[in-house]
Amino acid sequence: METHDASSRKHLDIYADKAYNISRIRGGWLTVNRACNLRCGWCYQKDTEFDLERTMPLPLALDLASFFGDLGVKNLCLIGGEPTIYPHLLPVLEKLSVLDIRDIRSI
């Protein structure tokens, strides 16, 4: 698994500083993977060839969850490929719950 580096966290901090100037962000989207066990003809991800290697590392997903929580986001849509086959789905959902992000959807 890839390790999450400090430079990525620095970018998150920069965006967070800018985002605090926005009055309120209600929702967000988080692409956690590209893998999918379906092959829908209309899928916007079909050009990625559903690459199993393109999966978000858990540390980055948890940092992004915290980022959304810091922004006051209450509605989050997990997208991918197919988010329900994301190998770190449960830890991410637990983190979102702790952050009081309660409306979590997957499309």
C-alpha atoms as a PDB file:
ATOM      1  CA  MET A   1       0.000   0.000   0.000  1.00  0.00           C
ATOM      2  CA  GLU A   2       1.145   3.532  -0.766  1.00  0.00           C
ATOM      3  CA  THR A   3       2.091   5.708   2.157  1.00  0.00           C
ATOM      4  CA  HIS A   4       0.497   9.086   2.615  1.00  0.00           C
ATOM      5  CA  ASP A   5       3.104  11.817   2.602  1.00  0.00           C
ATOM      6  CA  ALA A   6       3.371  15.199   4.315  1.00  0.00           C
ATOM      7  CA  SER A   7       3.164  17.114   1.030  1.00  0.00           C
ATOM      8  CA  SER A   8      -0.370  15.798   0.449  1.00  0.00           C
ATOM      9  CA  ARG A   9      -1.356  16.920   3.947  1.00  0.00           C
ATOM     10  CA  LYS A  10       0.131  20.352   3.219  1.00  0.00           C
ATOM     11  CA  HIS A  11      -2.129  20.660   0.167  1.00  0.00           C
ATOM     12  CA  LEU A  12      -5.139  19.671   2.266  1.00  0.00           C
ATOM     13  CA  ASP A  13      -4.233  22.356   4.801  1.00  0.00           C
ATOM     14  CA  ILE A  14      -3.973  24.994   2.069  1.00  0.00           C
ATOM     15  CA  TYR A  15      -7.390  24.059   0.704  1.00  0.00           C
ATOM     16  CA  ALA A  16      -8.855  24.006   4.199  1.00  0.00           C
ATOM     17  CA  ASP A  17      -7.606  27.548   4.856  1.00  0.00           C
ATOM     18  CA  LYS A  18      -9.266  28.756   1.666  1.00  0.00           C
ATOM     19  CA  ALA A  19     -12.434  26.771   2.291  1.00  0.00           C
ATOM     20  CA  TYR A  20     -13.015  28.371   5.690  1.00  0.00           C
ATOM     21  CA  ASN A  21     -13.759  31.563   3.792  1.00  0.00           C
ATOM     22  CA  ILE A  22     -16.787  29.866   2.226  1.00  0.00           C
ATOM     23  CA  SER A  23     -19.915  30.382   4.287  1.00  0.00           C
ATOM     24  CA  ARG A  24     -20.940  26.711   4.411  1.00  0.00           C
ATOM     25  CA  ILE A  25     -20.208  23.636   2.362  1.00  0.00           C
ATOM     26  CA  ARG A  26     -23.038  21.162   2.810  1.00  0.00           C
ATOM     27  CA  GLY A  27     -21.841  18.190   0.821  1.00  0.00           C
ATOM     28  CA  GLY A  28     -18.958  16.557  -0.946  1.00  0.00           C
ATOM     29  CA  TRP A  29     -17.877  13.697  -3.175  1.00  0.00           C
ATOM     30  CA  LEU A  30     -15.053  11.295  -2.438  1.00  0.00           C
ATOM     31  CA  THR A  31     -13.728   8.944  -5.132  1.00  0.00           C
ATOM     32  CA  VAL A  32     -12.259   6.023  -3.202  1.00  0.00           C
ATOM     33  CA  ASN A  33     -11.473   3.562  -5.984  1.00  0.00           C
ATOM     34  CA  ARG A  34     -11.792   2.718  -9.663  1.00  0.00           C
ATOM     35  CA  ALA A  35     -12.390  -1.008  -9.241  1.00  0.00           C
ATOM     36  CA  CYS A  36     -15.833  -2.309 -10.117  1.00  0.00           C
ATOM     37  CA  ASN A  37     -17.458  -5.712 -10.324  1.00  0.00           C
ATOM     38  CA  LEU A  38     -20.059  -4.486 -12.851  1.00  0.00           C
ATOM     39  CA  ARG A  39     -19.666  -3.331 -16.435  1.00  0.00           C
ATOM     40  CA  CYS A  40     -22.536  -0.908 -17.032  1.00  0.00           C
ATOM     41  CA  GLY A  41     -22.494   0.464 -20.581  1.00  0.00           C
ATOM     42  CA  TRP A  42     -23.275   3.997 -19.425  1.00  0.00           C
ATOM     43  CA  CYS A  43     -20.618   4.140 -16.692  1.00  0.00           C
ATOM     44  CA  TYR A  44     -18.508   7.286 -16.673  1.00  0.00           C
ATOM     45  CA  GLN A  45     -15.549   5.266 -15.290  1.00  0.00           C
ATOM     46  CA  LYS A  46     -15.360   2.662 -18.052  1.00  0.00           C
ATOM     47  CA  ASP A  47     -12.384   4.463 -19.645  1.00  0.00           C
ATOM     48  CA  THR A  48     -10.325   3.768 -16.501  1.00  0.00           C
ATOM     49  CA  GLU A  49     -10.656   0.049 -17.282  1.00  0.00           C
ATOM     50  CA  PHE A  50     -11.726  -0.403 -13.652  1.00  0.00           C
ATOM     51  CA  ASP A  51      -8.085  -0.538 -12.605  1.00  0.00           C
ATOM     52  CA  LEU A  52      -7.733  -2.428  -9.313  1.00  0.00           C
ATOM     53  CA  GLU A  53      -4.487  -0.570  -8.592  1.00  0.00           C
ATOM     54  CA  ARG A  54      -6.229   2.807  -8.512  1.00  0.00           C
ATOM     55  CA  THR A  55      -7.487   2.573  -4.950  1.00  0.00           C
ATOM     56  CA  MET A  56      -7.169   5.397  -2.440  1.00  0.00           C
ATOM     57  CA  PRO A  57      -4.781   4.517   0.403  1.00  0.00           C
ATOM     58  CA  LEU A  58      -6.478   4.380   3.787  1.00  0.00           C
ATOM     59  CA  PRO A  59      -4.397   7.199   5.373  1.00  0.00           C
ATOM     60  CA  LEU A  60      -5.378   9.574   2.572  1.00  0.00           C
ATOM     61  CA  ALA A  61      -9.055   8.574   2.819  1.00  0.00           C
ATOM     62  CA  LEU A  62      -9.006   9.231   6.575  1.00  0.00           C
ATOM     63  CA  ASP A  63      -7.295  12.604   6.050  1.00  0.00           C
ATOM     64  CA  LEU A  64      -9.916  13.567   3.482  1.00  0.00           C
ATOM     65  CA  ALA A  65     -12.683  12.466   5.837  1.00  0.00           C
ATOM     66  CA  SER A  66     -11.210  14.761   8.503  1.00  0.00           C
ATOM     67  CA  PHE A  67     -10.960  17.535   5.915  1.00  0.00           C
ATOM     68  CA  PHE A  68     -14.675  17.193   5.106  1.00  0.00           C
ATOM     69  CA  GLY A  69     -15.457  17.123   8.828  1.00  0.00           C
ATOM     70  CA  ASP A  70     -13.415  20.296   9.402  1.00  0.00           C
ATOM     71  CA  LEU A  71     -15.446  22.002   6.686  1.00  0.00           C
ATOM     72  CA  GLY A  72     -18.700  21.076   8.412  1.00  0.00           C
ATOM     73  CA  VAL A  73     -19.837  18.776   5.606  1.00  0.00           C
ATOM     74  CA  LYS A  74     -22.837  16.664   6.652  1.00  0.00           C
ATOM     75  CA  ASN A  75     -23.617  14.930   3.327  1.00  0.00           C
ATOM     76  CA  LEU A  76     -20.980  12.880   1.540  1.00  0.00           C
ATOM     77  CA  CYS A  77     -21.246  10.758  -1.576  1.00  0.00           C
ATOM     78  CA  LEU A  78     -18.696   7.963  -1.958  1.00  0.00           C
ATOM     79  CA  ILE A  79     -18.023   7.224  -5.596  1.00  0.00           C
ATOM     80  CA  GLY A  80     -15.633   5.089  -7.576  1.00  0.00           C
ATOM     81  CA  GLY A  81     -15.689   2.455  -9.558  1.00  0.00           C
ATOM     82  CA  GLU A  82     -17.807   0.666  -6.980  1.00  0.00           C
ATOM     83  CA  PRO A  83     -17.308   2.066  -3.455  1.00  0.00           C
ATOM     84  CA  THR A  84     -18.867  -0.951  -1.761  1.00  0.00           C
ATOM     85  CA  ILE A  85     -15.884  -3.092  -2.825  1.00  0.00           C
ATOM     86  CA  TYR A  86     -13.354  -0.544  -1.557  1.00  0.00           C
ATOM     87  CA  PRO A  87     -11.118  -2.566   0.802  1.00  0.00           C
ATOM     88  CA  HIS A  88     -11.075   0.183   3.469  1.00  0.00           C
ATOM     89  CA  LEU A  89     -14.774   1.028   3.396  1.00  0.00           C
ATOM     90  CA  LEU A  90     -15.535   0.159   7.037  1.00  0.00           C
ATOM     91  CA  PRO A  91     -12.732   2.236   8.617  1.00  0.00           C
ATOM     92  CA  VAL A  92     -13.712   5.199   6.424  1.00  0.00           C
ATOM     93  CA  LEU A  93     -17.386   4.873   7.405  1.00  0.00           C
ATOM     94  CA  GLU A  94     -16.402   4.660  11.075  1.00  0.00           C
ATOM     95  CA  LYS A  95     -14.311   7.833  10.739  1.00  0.00           C
ATOM     96  CA  LEU A  96     -17.165   9.671   8.996  1.00  0.00           C
ATOM     97  CA  SER A  97     -19.518   8.631  11.781  1.00  0.00           C
ATOM     98  CA  VAL A  98     -17.162   9.981  14.463  1.00  0.00           C
ATOM     99  CA  LEU A  99     -17.019  13.253  12.508  1.00  0.00           C
ATOM    100  CA  ASP A 100     -20.831  13.444  12.529  1.00  0.00           C
ATOM    101  CA  ILE A 101     -21.096  13.120   8.750  1.00  0.00           C
ATOM    102  CA  ARG A 102     -24.375  11.233   8.800  1.00  0.00           C
ATOM    103  CA  ASP A 103     -25.778  11.342   5.272  1.00  0.00           C
ATOM    104  CA  ILE A 104     -23.423   9.026   3.393  1.00  0.00           C
ATOM    105  CA  ARG A 105     -24.401   7.683  -0.008  1.00  0.00           C
ATOM    106  CA  SER A 106     -22.797   5.577  -2.661  1.00  0.00           C
ATOM    107  CA  ILE A 107     -23.469   5.853  -6.369  1.00  0.00           C
END
